[in-house]
C-alpha atoms as a PDB file:
ATOM      1  CA  MET A   1      -7.805   1.141   7.908  1.00  0.00           C
ATOM      2  CA  ALA A   2      -8.035  -0.278  11.414  1.00  0.00           C
ATOM      3  CA  ARG A   3      -6.570   0.511  14.960  1.00  0.00           C
ATOM      4  CA  VAL A   4      -4.385  -2.708  16.060  1.00  0.00           C
ATOM      5  CA  TRP A   5      -2.915  -3.111  19.732  1.00  0.00           C
ATOM      6  CA  CYS A   6       0.902  -3.445  19.288  1.00  0.00           C
ATOM      7  CA  GLY A   7       2.528  -3.777  22.607  1.00  0.00           C
ATOM      8  CA  ALA A   8       3.440  -1.563  25.293  1.00  0.00           C
ATOM      9  CA  GLN A   9       6.046   0.347  23.358  1.00  0.00           C
ATOM     10  CA  TYR A  10       3.642   1.267  20.351  1.00  0.00           C
ATOM     11  CA  ARG A  11       0.382   0.943  21.734  1.00  0.00           C
ATOM     12  CA  TRP A  12      -1.957   1.632  18.933  1.00  0.00           C
ATOM     13  CA  CYS A  13      -0.983   1.046  15.569  1.00  0.00           C
ATOM     14  CA  ALA A  14      -2.881   1.629  11.994  1.00  0.00           C
ATOM     15  CA  LEU A  15      -3.468  -1.290   9.763  1.00  0.00           C
ATOM     16  CA  THR A  16      -4.031  -0.231   6.032  1.00  0.00           C
ATOM     17  CA  LEU A  17      -5.143  -3.164   3.800  1.00  0.00           C
ATOM     18  CA  VAL A  18      -5.619  -3.342   0.038  1.00  0.00           C
ATOM     19  CA  MET A  19      -7.909  -6.131  -1.035  1.00  0.00           C
ATOM     20  CA  ASP A  20      -9.245  -7.084  -4.161  1.00  0.00           C
ATOM     21  CA  CYS A  21     -12.951  -7.504  -3.442  1.00  0.00           C
ATOM     22  CA  HIS A  22     -13.969  -9.942  -6.059  1.00  0.00           C
ATOM     23  CA  THR A  23     -11.269 -12.612  -5.064  1.00  0.00           C
ATOM     24  CA  ARG A  24     -10.699 -11.444  -1.539  1.00  0.00           C
ATOM     25  CA  GLU A  25      -6.952 -11.391  -2.238  1.00  0.00           C
ATOM     26  CA  LEU A  26      -4.996  -9.343   0.089  1.00  0.00           C
ATOM     27  CA  LEU A  27      -2.791  -6.966  -2.501  1.00  0.00           C
ATOM     28  CA  GLY A  28      -1.208  -4.906   0.066  1.00  0.00           C
ATOM     29  CA  TRP A  29      -0.766  -3.656   3.590  1.00  0.00           C
ATOM     30  CA  ARG A  30       0.770  -1.288   5.776  1.00  0.00           C
ATOM     31  CA  LEU A  31       1.449  -0.740   9.786  1.00  0.00           C
ATOM     32  CA  SER A  32       2.251   2.378  10.727  1.00  0.00           C
ATOM     33  CA  ARG A  33       2.131   4.400  14.210  1.00  0.00           C
ATOM     34  CA  THR A  34       0.114   7.238  13.010  1.00  0.00           C
ATOM     35  CA  SER A  35      -3.136   6.843  10.462  1.00  0.00           C
ATOM     36  CA  ASN A  36      -2.120   9.198   7.718  1.00  0.00           C
ATOM     37  CA  ALA A  37      -2.073   9.320   3.974  1.00  0.00           C
ATOM     38  CA  GLN A  38       1.444   8.381   3.462  1.00  0.00           C
ATOM     39  CA  ALA A  39       0.365   4.753   4.752  1.00  0.00           C
ATOM     40  CA  ALA A  40      -2.619   4.525   2.848  1.00  0.00           C
ATOM     41  CA  GLU A  41      -0.442   5.520  -0.446  1.00  0.00           C
ATOM     42  CA  ALA A  42       2.535   3.028   0.257  1.00  0.00           C
ATOM     43  CA  ALA A  43      -0.047   0.112   0.874  1.00  0.00           C
ATOM     44  CA  LEU A  44      -1.549   1.149  -2.519  1.00  0.00           C
ATOM     45  CA  GLU A  45       1.604   1.215  -4.493  1.00  0.00           C
ATOM     46  CA  GLU A  46       2.509  -2.075  -2.950  1.00  0.00           C
ATOM     47  CA  ALA A  47      -0.752  -3.939  -4.101  1.00  0.00           C
ATOM     48  CA  LEU A  48      -0.222  -1.832  -7.508  1.00  0.00           C
ATOM     49  CA  ILE A  49       3.037  -3.380  -7.594  1.00  0.00           C
ATOM     50  CA  HIS A  50       1.985  -6.630  -6.463  1.00  0.00           C
ATOM     51  CA  ARG A  51      -0.744  -6.926  -9.237  1.00  0.00           C
ATOM     52  CA  TYR A  52       0.693  -5.268 -12.171  1.00  0.00           C
ATOM     53  CA  GLY A  53       4.658  -5.477 -11.421  1.00  0.00           C
ATOM     54  CA  LEU A  54       7.169  -2.730 -11.869  1.00  0.00           C
ATOM     55  CA  LEU A  55       7.023  -0.601 -14.789  1.00  0.00           C
ATOM     56  CA  GLY A  56      10.034  -0.713 -17.359  1.00  0.00           C
ATOM     57  CA  LYS A  57      11.926   2.499 -18.215  1.00  0.00           C
ATOM     58  CA  ALA A  58      10.359   4.372 -21.278  1.00  0.00           C
ATOM     59  CA  ARG A  59      12.145   5.209 -24.199  1.00  0.00           C
ATOM     60  CA  ASP A  60      14.293   7.784 -25.038  1.00  0.00           C
ATOM     61  CA  ASP A  61      12.366   9.010 -28.044  1.00  0.00           C
ATOM     62  CA  LEU A  62       9.039   8.725 -26.218  1.00  0.00           C
ATOM     63  CA  THR A  63       7.369  12.280 -27.158  1.00  0.00           C
ATOM     64  CA  ILE A  64       4.223  13.348 -24.990  1.00  0.00           C
ATOM     65  CA  ARG A  65       1.821  15.683 -26.335  1.00  0.00           C
END
């Protein structure tokens, strides 16, 4: 998470990046006015969707024990 200048209206914003350390590929990012856990969670969710795609719907007859 880093603080970046966003202009006179918002002043400082928090930039959250999720990178693959091996390939140095940027997988997800989020820019928010506050540095909170929701921004980090959103960046991580975006990265996981980018890497693995959306999950399909589970079958109706699926039983979890």
